[in-house]
Amino acid sequence: MQRKTLYAILCIVCCLFAQFNLHAQEKSKEEQSYFKLSGSYLTNAVYNGRKDSATLPYITPSLAYYDKSGFNIGVSASYLNSADAHRIDLFSIDAGYNFKIAKQVNGSVYASKYFYNTNSTNVQGNAKGLLGGTVSYENDILSISGDIGVLFSQKNDFFFIPSIYHGFSFGSDDNEWNIAPTVTASIGTLNYYKQYFENIGKKRRGVVSQIVQVKNADGVLLLDYELSLPITYDGKKWGLFITPIYAIPQSPVQITLPGSSVFREEKLENSFYAELGVYVKF
């Protein structure tokens, strides 16, 4: 069933790519290709409202190439700078393609290959890659977007992320500020989270841990709500951004302690975290 769903997603992505390639080519006449060197700081690694018991802040330098056709490719390395660990926790290779569907409708497809440190306690630490696509409709009142894709790991996960937002822009094209209050919901599966619980004991203690069982993690679930306030400044050759996020997790699972058969519901906590960074274009 999962394989058929994956094939369906791939077919949809390919059809979108082919259908709207002409729109992207028309747009490319007004665009310029460039490289982008950036650095960011993430205060804590939170995914769908889920997080490790320890705070995991990341410093991430990245280098990407953006072609005027809409294609982009880049690499990044995330350095974990926590109280208990200092290491490169993730290396990522990312690619994407942005295109215009209609006057107010934009789309993109993207893919990432992840290389997590074997000792990573990130809740996504067992993921191998990501494939997805986004369609957005923007207007002066209220904009909407939908993000759908698959997270690859030992047992793949599927997700759908609808968002509503309103953008405020100030300044000129070469000196522009943007603020976009956003409300997002994450809907998907939790196979990656089950793997996190199954492997976390070994990663923390370096020994084979006793079996941990997980219940209420099957099927498609509402994972979290998120309130965010992306703020960006885009200059001609450089820019900066900051995105504070408040995540409200949903659908707690039940787990057993190592060596126990008694299930207990996990205590999901709301999370406030932020990502900020700067970039230069050349």
C-alpha atoms as a PDB file:
ATOM      1  CA  MET A   1       0.000   0.000   0.000  1.00  0.00           C
ATOM      2  CA  GLN A   2       2.795   2.409   0.889  1.00  0.00           C
ATOM      3  CA  ARG A   3       4.602   1.578  -2.355  1.00  0.00           C
ATOM      4  CA  LYS A   4       1.487   2.368  -4.394  1.00  0.00           C
ATOM      5  CA  THR A   5       1.064   5.659  -2.527  1.00  0.00           C
ATOM      6  CA  LEU A   6       4.702   6.558  -3.195  1.00  0.00           C
ATOM      7  CA  TYR A   7       4.297   5.825  -6.902  1.00  0.00           C
ATOM      8  CA  ALA A   8       1.192   8.030  -6.967  1.00  0.00           C
ATOM      9  CA  ILE A   9       3.098  10.912  -5.373  1.00  0.00           C
ATOM     10  CA  LEU A  10       5.954  10.502  -7.854  1.00  0.00           C
ATOM     11  CA  CYS A  11       3.514  10.537 -10.789  1.00  0.00           C
ATOM     12  CA  ILE A  12       1.822  13.691  -9.506  1.00  0.00           C
ATOM     13  CA  VAL A  13       5.175  15.422  -9.036  1.00  0.00           C
ATOM     14  CA  CYS A  14       6.337  14.451 -12.548  1.00  0.00           C
ATOM     15  CA  CYS A  15       3.085  15.624 -14.116  1.00  0.00           C
ATOM     16  CA  LEU A  16       3.286  18.956 -12.331  1.00  0.00           C
ATOM     17  CA  PHE A  17       6.898  19.359 -13.407  1.00  0.00           C
ATOM     18  CA  ALA A  18       6.076  18.710 -17.072  1.00  0.00           C
ATOM     19  CA  GLN A  19       2.844  20.685 -17.176  1.00  0.00           C
ATOM     20  CA  PHE A  20       4.265  23.864 -15.689  1.00  0.00           C
ATOM     21  CA  ASN A  21       7.754  23.767 -17.157  1.00  0.00           C
ATOM     22  CA  LEU A  22       6.676  26.236 -19.863  1.00  0.00           C
ATOM     23  CA  HIS A  23       5.569  28.749 -17.232  1.00  0.00           C
ATOM     24  CA  ALA A  24       8.943  28.471 -15.519  1.00  0.00           C
ATOM     25  CA  GLN A  25      10.784  29.031 -18.801  1.00  0.00           C
ATOM     26  CA  GLU A  26       8.773  32.189 -19.470  1.00  0.00           C
ATOM     27  CA  LYS A  27       9.564  33.450 -15.976  1.00  0.00           C
ATOM     28  CA  SER A  28      13.275  32.665 -16.343  1.00  0.00           C
ATOM     29  CA  LYS A  29      13.728  35.439 -18.877  1.00  0.00           C
ATOM     30  CA  GLU A  30      13.390  37.951 -16.047  1.00  0.00           C
ATOM     31  CA  GLU A  31      15.475  36.034 -13.496  1.00  0.00           C
ATOM     32  CA  GLN A  32      19.200  35.764 -12.858  1.00  0.00           C
ATOM     33  CA  SER A  33      21.174  32.726 -11.710  1.00  0.00           C
ATOM     34  CA  TYR A  34      23.200  33.061  -8.506  1.00  0.00           C
ATOM     35  CA  PHE A  35      24.972  31.271  -5.655  1.00  0.00           C
ATOM     36  CA  LYS A  36      23.762  31.690  -2.077  1.00  0.00           C
ATOM     37  CA  LEU A  37      25.986  31.260   0.966  1.00  0.00           C
ATOM     38  CA  SER A  38      24.085  31.265   4.238  1.00  0.00           C
ATOM     39  CA  GLY A  39      24.387  30.513   7.913  1.00  0.00           C
ATOM     40  CA  SER A  40      21.556  29.826  10.337  1.00  0.00           C
ATOM     41  CA  TYR A  41      20.940  29.004  13.977  1.00  0.00           C
ATOM     42  CA  LEU A  42      18.059  26.771  15.106  1.00  0.00           C
ATOM     43  CA  THR A  43      17.328  27.026  18.828  1.00  0.00           C
ATOM     44  CA  ASN A  44      15.897  23.486  19.057  1.00  0.00           C
ATOM     45  CA  ALA A  45      15.143  20.610  16.680  1.00  0.00           C
ATOM     46  CA  VAL A  46      11.352  20.206  16.714  1.00  0.00           C
ATOM     47  CA  TYR A  47       9.500  18.209  14.049  1.00  0.00           C
ATOM     48  CA  ASN A  48       5.703  17.992  13.942  1.00  0.00           C
ATOM     49  CA  GLY A  49       5.690  19.165  17.547  1.00  0.00           C
ATOM     50  CA  ARG A  50       7.936  16.256  18.598  1.00  0.00           C
ATOM     51  CA  LYS A  51      11.407  16.700  20.093  1.00  0.00           C
ATOM     52  CA  ASP A  52      14.088  14.924  22.091  1.00  0.00           C
ATOM     53  CA  SER A  53      14.129  15.307  25.875  1.00  0.00           C
ATOM     54  CA  ALA A  54      17.341  17.341  25.505  1.00  0.00           C
ATOM     55  CA  THR A  55      17.468  20.668  23.671  1.00  0.00           C
ATOM     56  CA  LEU A  56      19.191  20.249  20.281  1.00  0.00           C
ATOM     57  CA  PRO A  57      20.374  23.593  18.852  1.00  0.00           C
ATOM     58  CA  TYR A  58      21.976  23.578  15.398  1.00  0.00           C
ATOM     59  CA  ILE A  59      24.396  25.899  13.621  1.00  0.00           C
ATOM     60  CA  THR A  60      24.046  25.297   9.887  1.00  0.00           C
ATOM     61  CA  PRO A  61      26.220  26.738   7.095  1.00  0.00           C
ATOM     62  CA  SER A  62      24.973  26.022   3.572  1.00  0.00           C
ATOM     63  CA  LEU A  63      25.855  26.723  -0.033  1.00  0.00           C
ATOM     64  CA  ALA A  64      23.313  26.551  -2.853  1.00  0.00           C
ATOM     65  CA  TYR A  65      23.031  27.376  -6.540  1.00  0.00           C
ATOM     66  CA  TYR A  66      19.800  28.902  -7.870  1.00  0.00           C
ATOM     67  CA  ASP A  67      19.389  28.712 -11.623  1.00  0.00           C
ATOM     68  CA  LYS A  68      17.218  31.206 -13.484  1.00  0.00           C
ATOM     69  CA  SER A  69      15.134  28.283 -14.789  1.00  0.00           C
ATOM     70  CA  GLY A  70      13.830  27.698 -11.246  1.00  0.00           C
ATOM     71  CA  PHE A  71      16.125  24.770 -10.450  1.00  0.00           C
ATOM     72  CA  ASN A  72      18.265  24.861  -7.290  1.00  0.00           C
ATOM     73  CA  ILE A  73      20.710  22.521  -5.587  1.00  0.00           C
ATOM     74  CA  GLY A  74      22.738  22.857  -2.412  1.00  0.00           C
ATOM     75  CA  VAL A  75      24.548  21.246   0.493  1.00  0.00           C
ATOM     76  CA  SER A  76      24.483  21.963   4.213  1.00  0.00           C
ATOM     77  CA  ALA A  77      26.052  20.695   7.432  1.00  0.00           C
ATOM     78  CA  SER A  78      24.288  21.032  10.789  1.00  0.00           C
ATOM     79  CA  TYR A  79      26.574  21.316  13.814  1.00  0.00           C
ATOM     80  CA  LEU A  80      25.004  20.277  17.107  1.00  0.00           C
ATOM     81  CA  ASN A  81      26.008  22.685  19.867  1.00  0.00           C
ATOM     82  CA  SER A  82      24.189  21.314  22.916  1.00  0.00           C
ATOM     83  CA  ALA A  83      25.169  21.004  26.551  1.00  0.00           C
ATOM     84  CA  ASP A  84      25.966  17.294  26.079  1.00  0.00           C
ATOM     85  CA  ALA A  85      27.285  17.041  22.515  1.00  0.00           C
ATOM     86  CA  HIS A  86      29.337  19.010  20.008  1.00  0.00           C
ATOM     87  CA  ARG A  87      29.442  17.391  16.579  1.00  0.00           C
ATOM     88  CA  ILE A  88      28.212  17.547  13.006  1.00  0.00           C
ATOM     89  CA  ASP A  89      24.855  15.858  13.454  1.00  0.00           C
ATOM     90  CA  LEU A  90      23.524  16.087   9.900  1.00  0.00           C
ATOM     91  CA  PHE A  91      24.824  16.526   6.369  1.00  0.00           C
ATOM     92  CA  SER A  92      22.210  17.201   3.702  1.00  0.00           C
ATOM     93  CA  ILE A  93      22.087  17.413  -0.091  1.00  0.00           C
ATOM     94  CA  ASP A  94      19.025  19.312  -1.319  1.00  0.00           C
ATOM     95  CA  ALA A  95      17.504  20.045  -4.714  1.00  0.00           C
ATOM     96  CA  GLY A  96      14.325  21.731  -5.878  1.00  0.00           C
ATOM     97  CA  TYR A  97      12.442  23.262  -8.758  1.00  0.00           C
ATOM     98  CA  ASN A  98      10.206  26.333  -8.438  1.00  0.00           C
ATOM     99  CA  PHE A  99       7.649  27.249 -11.068  1.00  0.00           C
ATOM    100  CA  LYS A 100       4.699  29.526 -11.677  1.00  0.00           C
ATOM    101  CA  ILE A 101       1.374  27.861 -12.393  1.00  0.00           C
ATOM    102  CA  ALA A 102      -0.800  30.939 -12.888  1.00  0.00           C
ATOM    103  CA  LYS A 103      -0.730  34.631 -12.026  1.00  0.00           C
ATOM    104  CA  GLN A 104      -1.218  34.053  -8.293  1.00  0.00           C
ATOM    105  CA  VAL A 105      -0.408  30.346  -8.078  1.00  0.00           C
ATOM    106  CA  ASN A 106       3.107  28.979  -7.528  1.00  0.00           C
ATOM    107  CA  GLY A 107       4.465  25.484  -7.183  1.00  0.00           C
ATOM    108  CA  SER A 108       7.634  23.646  -6.294  1.00  0.00           C
ATOM    109  CA  VAL A 109       9.033  20.144  -6.058  1.00  0.00           C
ATOM    110  CA  TYR A 110      11.951  19.269  -3.787  1.00  0.00           C
ATOM    111  CA  ALA A 111      14.103  16.392  -2.610  1.00  0.00           C
ATOM    112  CA  SER A 112      16.710  15.946   0.124  1.00  0.00           C
ATOM    113  CA  LYS A 113      19.204  13.242   1.000  1.00  0.00           C
ATOM    114  CA  TYR A 114      20.057  13.063   4.716  1.00  0.00           C
ATOM    115  CA  PHE A 115      23.195  11.719   6.388  1.00  0.00           C
ATOM    116  CA  TYR A 116      22.576  11.748  10.146  1.00  0.00           C
ATOM    117  CA  ASN A 117      25.266  10.990  12.693  1.00  0.00           C
ATOM    118  CA  THR A 118      24.741   7.446  14.007  1.00  0.00           C
ATOM    119  CA  ASN A 119      24.490   8.879  17.542  1.00  0.00           C
ATOM    120  CA  SER A 120      21.941  11.557  16.662  1.00  0.00           C
ATOM    121  CA  THR A 121      19.039  11.823  19.119  1.00  0.00           C
ATOM    122  CA  ASN A 122      17.036  14.022  16.758  1.00  0.00           C
ATOM    123  CA  VAL A 123      13.510  12.607  16.366  1.00  0.00           C
ATOM    124  CA  GLN A 124      14.259  12.525  12.616  1.00  0.00           C
ATOM    125  CA  GLY A 125      17.635  10.896  13.211  1.00  0.00           C
ATOM    126  CA  ASN A 126      16.709   7.688  11.364  1.00  0.00           C
ATOM    127  CA  ALA A 127      15.449   9.443   8.217  1.00  0.00           C
ATOM    128  CA  LYS A 128      17.318   8.890   4.945  1.00  0.00           C
ATOM    129  CA  GLY A 129      15.677  11.502   2.744  1.00  0.00           C
ATOM    130  CA  LEU A 130      12.651  13.527   1.748  1.00  0.00           C
ATOM    131  CA  LEU A 131      10.585  14.035  -1.410  1.00  0.00           C
ATOM    132  CA  GLY A 132       7.707  16.475  -1.741  1.00  0.00           C
ATOM    133  CA  GLY A 133       5.911  19.266  -3.515  1.00  0.00           C
ATOM    134  CA  THR A 134       4.101  22.507  -2.670  1.00  0.00           C
ATOM    135  CA  VAL A 135       1.350  24.530  -4.318  1.00  0.00           C
ATOM    136  CA  SER A 136       0.424  28.004  -3.051  1.00  0.00           C
ATOM    137  CA  TYR A 137      -2.213  30.579  -3.939  1.00  0.00           C
ATOM    138  CA  GLU A 138      -1.369  34.149  -2.944  1.00  0.00           C
ATOM    139  CA  ASN A 139      -3.588  37.227  -2.841  1.00  0.00           C
ATOM    140  CA  ASP A 140      -3.853  40.492  -0.922  1.00  0.00           C
ATOM    141  CA  ILE A 141      -6.285  39.120   1.664  1.00  0.00           C
ATOM    142  CA  LEU A 142      -5.384  35.555   2.673  1.00  0.00           C
ATOM    143  CA  SER A 143      -2.957  33.140   1.035  1.00  0.00           C
ATOM    144  CA  ILE A 144      -3.043  29.355   1.281  1.00  0.00           C
ATOM    145  CA  SER A 145      -0.558  26.575   0.541  1.00  0.00           C
ATOM    146  CA  GLY A 146      -0.424  22.801   0.647  1.00  0.00           C
ATOM    147  CA  ASP A 147       2.680  20.679   1.099  1.00  0.00           C
ATOM    148  CA  ILE A 148       2.622  16.918   0.434  1.00  0.00           C
ATOM    149  CA  GLY A 149       5.440  14.404   0.480  1.00  0.00           C
ATOM    150  CA  VAL A 150       7.172  11.344   1.858  1.00  0.00           C
ATOM    151  CA  LEU A 151       9.907  10.982   4.490  1.00  0.00           C
ATOM    152  CA  PHE A 152      12.135   7.981   3.763  1.00  0.00           C
ATOM    153  CA  SER A 153      13.415   5.757   6.567  1.00  0.00           C
ATOM    154  CA  GLN A 154      13.151   2.110   7.599  1.00  0.00           C
ATOM    155  CA  LYS A 155       9.381   2.490   7.178  1.00  0.00           C
ATOM    156  CA  ASN A 156       8.364   5.527   5.144  1.00  0.00           C
ATOM    157  CA  ASP A 157       6.133   8.349   6.376  1.00  0.00           C
ATOM    158  CA  PHE A 158       3.677  10.456   4.409  1.00  0.00           C
ATOM    159  CA  PHE A 159       2.637  13.982   5.277  1.00  0.00           C
ATOM    160  CA  PHE A 160       0.261  16.759   4.233  1.00  0.00           C
ATOM    161  CA  ILE A 161       0.775  20.287   5.573  1.00  0.00           C
ATOM    162  CA  PRO A 162      -1.871  22.940   4.799  1.00  0.00           C
ATOM    163  CA  SER A 163      -1.104  26.558   5.725  1.00  0.00           C
ATOM    164  CA  ILE A 164      -2.850  29.908   5.694  1.00  0.00           C
ATOM    165  CA  TYR A 165      -0.953  33.182   5.905  1.00  0.00           C
ATOM    166  CA  HIS A 166      -0.980  36.883   5.084  1.00  0.00           C
ATOM    167  CA  GLY A 167       2.112  38.675   3.859  1.00  0.00           C
ATOM    168  CA  PHE A 168       3.092  42.285   4.543  1.00  0.00           C
ATOM    169  CA  SER A 169       5.822  43.804   2.358  1.00  0.00           C
ATOM    170  CA  PHE A 170       7.734  47.057   2.803  1.00  0.00           C
ATOM    171  CA  GLY A 171      10.402  48.704   0.667  1.00  0.00           C
ATOM    172  CA  SER A 172      11.628  48.177  -2.895  1.00  0.00           C
ATOM    173  CA  ASP A 173      12.642  45.041  -4.815  1.00  0.00           C
ATOM    174  CA  ASP A 174      16.306  45.444  -3.781  1.00  0.00           C
ATOM    175  CA  ASN A 175      15.537  46.539  -0.227  1.00  0.00           C
ATOM    176  CA  GLU A 176      12.455  44.661   0.949  1.00  0.00           C
ATOM    177  CA  TRP A 177      11.073  43.515   4.287  1.00  0.00           C
ATOM    178  CA  ASN A 178       8.443  40.757   4.474  1.00  0.00           C
ATOM    179  CA  ILE A 179       6.365  39.614   7.445  1.00  0.00           C
ATOM    180  CA  ALA A 180       3.975  36.678   7.048  1.00  0.00           C
ATOM    181  CA  PRO A 181       1.915  35.537  10.085  1.00  0.00           C
ATOM    182  CA  THR A 182       1.170  31.856   9.406  1.00  0.00           C
ATOM    183  CA  VAL A 183      -1.045  29.110  10.806  1.00  0.00           C
ATOM    184  CA  THR A 184      -0.092  25.541   9.863  1.00  0.00           C
ATOM    185  CA  ALA A 185      -1.378  22.036  10.559  1.00  0.00           C
ATOM    186  CA  SER A 186       0.671  18.855  10.071  1.00  0.00           C
ATOM    187  CA  ILE A 187      -1.115  15.647   9.122  1.00  0.00           C
ATOM    188  CA  GLY A 188       0.714  12.381   8.550  1.00  0.00           C
ATOM    189  CA  THR A 189       2.112   9.129   9.879  1.00  0.00           C
ATOM    190  CA  LEU A 190       4.477   8.483  12.790  1.00  0.00           C
ATOM    191  CA  ASN A 191       6.732   5.631  11.696  1.00  0.00           C
ATOM    192  CA  TYR A 192       9.823   7.841  12.177  1.00  0.00           C
ATOM    193  CA  TYR A 193       8.698   8.518  15.746  1.00  0.00           C
ATOM    194  CA  LYS A 194       8.305   4.814  16.535  1.00  0.00           C
ATOM    195  CA  GLN A 195      11.862   4.254  15.258  1.00  0.00           C
ATOM    196  CA  TYR A 196      13.057   7.102  17.470  1.00  0.00           C
ATOM    197  CA  PHE A 197      11.714   5.370  20.599  1.00  0.00           C
ATOM    198  CA  GLU A 198      13.093   1.996  19.483  1.00  0.00           C
ATOM    199  CA  ASN A 199      16.629   3.365  18.969  1.00  0.00           C
ATOM    200  CA  ILE A 200      17.005   6.187  21.492  1.00  0.00           C
ATOM    201  CA  GLY A 201      18.246   3.987  24.354  1.00  0.00           C
ATOM    202  CA  LYS A 202      21.075   2.552  22.275  1.00  0.00           C
ATOM    203  CA  LYS A 203      22.077   5.999  20.991  1.00  0.00           C
ATOM    204  CA  ARG A 204      22.213   7.507  24.462  1.00  0.00           C
ATOM    205  CA  ARG A 205      23.948   4.664  26.275  1.00  0.00           C
ATOM    206  CA  GLY A 206      25.829   2.948  23.465  1.00  0.00           C
ATOM    207  CA  VAL A 207      24.424  -0.465  24.326  1.00  0.00           C
ATOM    208  CA  VAL A 208      21.607  -2.556  22.907  1.00  0.00           C
ATOM    209  CA  SER A 209      18.496  -1.348  24.706  1.00  0.00           C
ATOM    210  CA  GLN A 210      15.563  -3.426  25.830  1.00  0.00           C
ATOM    211  CA  ILE A 211      12.485  -3.444  23.627  1.00  0.00           C
ATOM    212  CA  VAL A 212      10.228  -0.378  23.848  1.00  0.00           C
ATOM    213  CA  GLN A 213       6.682  -0.810  22.549  1.00  0.00           C
ATOM    214  CA  VAL A 214       4.609   1.976  21.017  1.00  0.00           C
ATOM    215  CA  LYS A 215       0.814   2.172  20.595  1.00  0.00           C
ATOM    216  CA  ASN A 216      -1.563   4.696  18.973  1.00  0.00           C
ATOM    217  CA  ALA A 217       1.069   5.618  16.373  1.00  0.00           C
ATOM    218  CA  ASP A 218      -0.469   3.892  13.351  1.00  0.00           C
ATOM    219  CA  GLY A 219      -2.450   5.433  10.524  1.00  0.00           C
ATOM    220  CA  VAL A 220      -2.799   9.048   9.428  1.00  0.00           C
ATOM    221  CA  LEU A 221      -2.961  11.425  12.391  1.00  0.00           C
ATOM    222  CA  LEU A 222      -3.188  15.116  13.155  1.00  0.00           C
ATOM    223  CA  LEU A 223       0.352  15.742  14.401  1.00  0.00           C
ATOM    224  CA  ASP A 224       0.459  19.389  15.417  1.00  0.00           C
ATOM    225  CA  TYR A 225      -0.640  22.979  14.909  1.00  0.00           C
ATOM    226  CA  GLU A 226       1.982  25.681  14.452  1.00  0.00           C
ATOM    227  CA  LEU A 227       1.861  29.465  14.732  1.00  0.00           C
ATOM    228  CA  SER A 228       4.820  31.209  13.111  1.00  0.00           C
ATOM    229  CA  LEU A 229       5.926  34.694  12.155  1.00  0.00           C
ATOM    230  CA  PRO A 230       8.533  34.575   9.357  1.00  0.00           C
ATOM    231  CA  ILE A 231      10.368  37.886   9.013  1.00  0.00           C
ATOM    232  CA  THR A 232      12.780  38.376   6.113  1.00  0.00           C
ATOM    233  CA  TYR A 233      14.913  41.142   4.672  1.00  0.00           C
ATOM    234  CA  ASP A 234      16.009  40.742   1.049  1.00  0.00           C
ATOM    235  CA  GLY A 235      18.641  43.085  -0.305  1.00  0.00           C
ATOM    236  CA  LYS A 236      20.345  43.048  -3.657  1.00  0.00           C
ATOM    237  CA  LYS A 237      23.314  40.954  -2.495  1.00  0.00           C
ATOM    238  CA  TRP A 238      22.443  39.905   1.029  1.00  0.00           C
ATOM    239  CA  GLY A 239      19.571  39.262   3.399  1.00  0.00           C
ATOM    240  CA  LEU A 240      18.515  37.986   6.786  1.00  0.00           C
ATOM    241  CA  PHE A 241      15.630  36.085   8.296  1.00  0.00           C
ATOM    242  CA  ILE A 242      14.111  35.080  11.612  1.00  0.00           C
ATOM    243  CA  THR A 243      11.206  32.687  12.114  1.00  0.00           C
ATOM    244  CA  PRO A 244       9.784  32.246  15.625  1.00  0.00           C
ATOM    245  CA  ILE A 245       7.494  29.191  15.869  1.00  0.00           C
ATOM    246  CA  TYR A 246       5.055  27.967  18.500  1.00  0.00           C
ATOM    247  CA  ALA A 247       4.175  24.280  18.041  1.00  0.00           C
ATOM    248  CA  ILE A 248       1.169  22.613  19.670  1.00  0.00           C
ATOM    249  CA  PRO A 249       1.552  18.808  19.306  1.00  0.00           C
ATOM    250  CA  GLN A 250      -1.458  16.521  18.942  1.00  0.00           C
ATOM    251  CA  SER A 251      -2.145  12.755  19.013  1.00  0.00           C
ATOM    252  CA  PRO A 252       0.145  11.522  21.822  1.00  0.00           C
ATOM    253  CA  VAL A 253       1.283   7.918  21.590  1.00  0.00           C
ATOM    254  CA  GLN A 254       1.545   5.341  24.348  1.00  0.00           C
ATOM    255  CA  ILE A 255       4.902   3.758  25.156  1.00  0.00           C
ATOM    256  CA  THR A 256       6.363   1.242  27.567  1.00  0.00           C
ATOM    257  CA  LEU A 257       9.519   1.723  29.591  1.00  0.00           C
ATOM    258  CA  PRO A 258      12.386  -0.663  28.722  1.00  0.00           C
ATOM    259  CA  GLY A 259      11.597  -4.112  30.101  1.00  0.00           C
ATOM    260  CA  SER A 260       8.019  -3.188  31.030  1.00  0.00           C
ATOM    261  CA  SER A 261       4.685  -4.180  29.488  1.00  0.00           C
ATOM    262  CA  VAL A 262       2.706  -1.306  30.999  1.00  0.00           C
ATOM    263  CA  PHE A 263       1.759   1.394  28.481  1.00  0.00           C
ATOM    264  CA  ARG A 264       1.847   5.038  29.496  1.00  0.00           C
ATOM    265  CA  GLU A 265       0.749   8.016  27.444  1.00  0.00           C
ATOM    266  CA  GLU A 266       3.618  10.323  26.561  1.00  0.00           C
ATOM    267  CA  LYS A 267       3.528  13.883  27.820  1.00  0.00           C
ATOM    268  CA  LEU A 268       3.607  16.130  24.780  1.00  0.00           C
ATOM    269  CA  GLU A 269       4.678  19.693  25.519  1.00  0.00           C
ATOM    270  CA  ASN A 270       4.097  22.831  23.480  1.00  0.00           C
ATOM    271  CA  SER A 271       7.355  24.196  22.070  1.00  0.00           C
ATOM    272  CA  PHE A 272       8.580  27.679  21.283  1.00  0.00           C
ATOM    273  CA  TYR A 273      11.659  27.755  19.105  1.00  0.00           C
ATOM    274  CA  ALA A 274      13.150  29.907  16.362  1.00  0.00           C
ATOM    275  CA  GLU A 275      15.468  29.856  13.378  1.00  0.00           C
ATOM    276  CA  LEU A 276      17.504  32.896  12.356  1.00  0.00           C
ATOM    277  CA  GLY A 277      20.202  33.478   9.805  1.00  0.00           C
ATOM    278  CA  VAL A 278      21.902  35.608   7.176  1.00  0.00           C
ATOM    279  CA  TYR A 279      22.942  35.036   3.564  1.00  0.00           C
ATOM    280  CA  VAL A 280      24.918  36.571   0.742  1.00  0.00           C
ATOM    281  CA  LYS A 281      24.306  36.118  -2.989  1.00  0.00           C
ATOM    282  CA  PHE A 282      27.008  36.141  -5.667  1.00  0.00           C
END
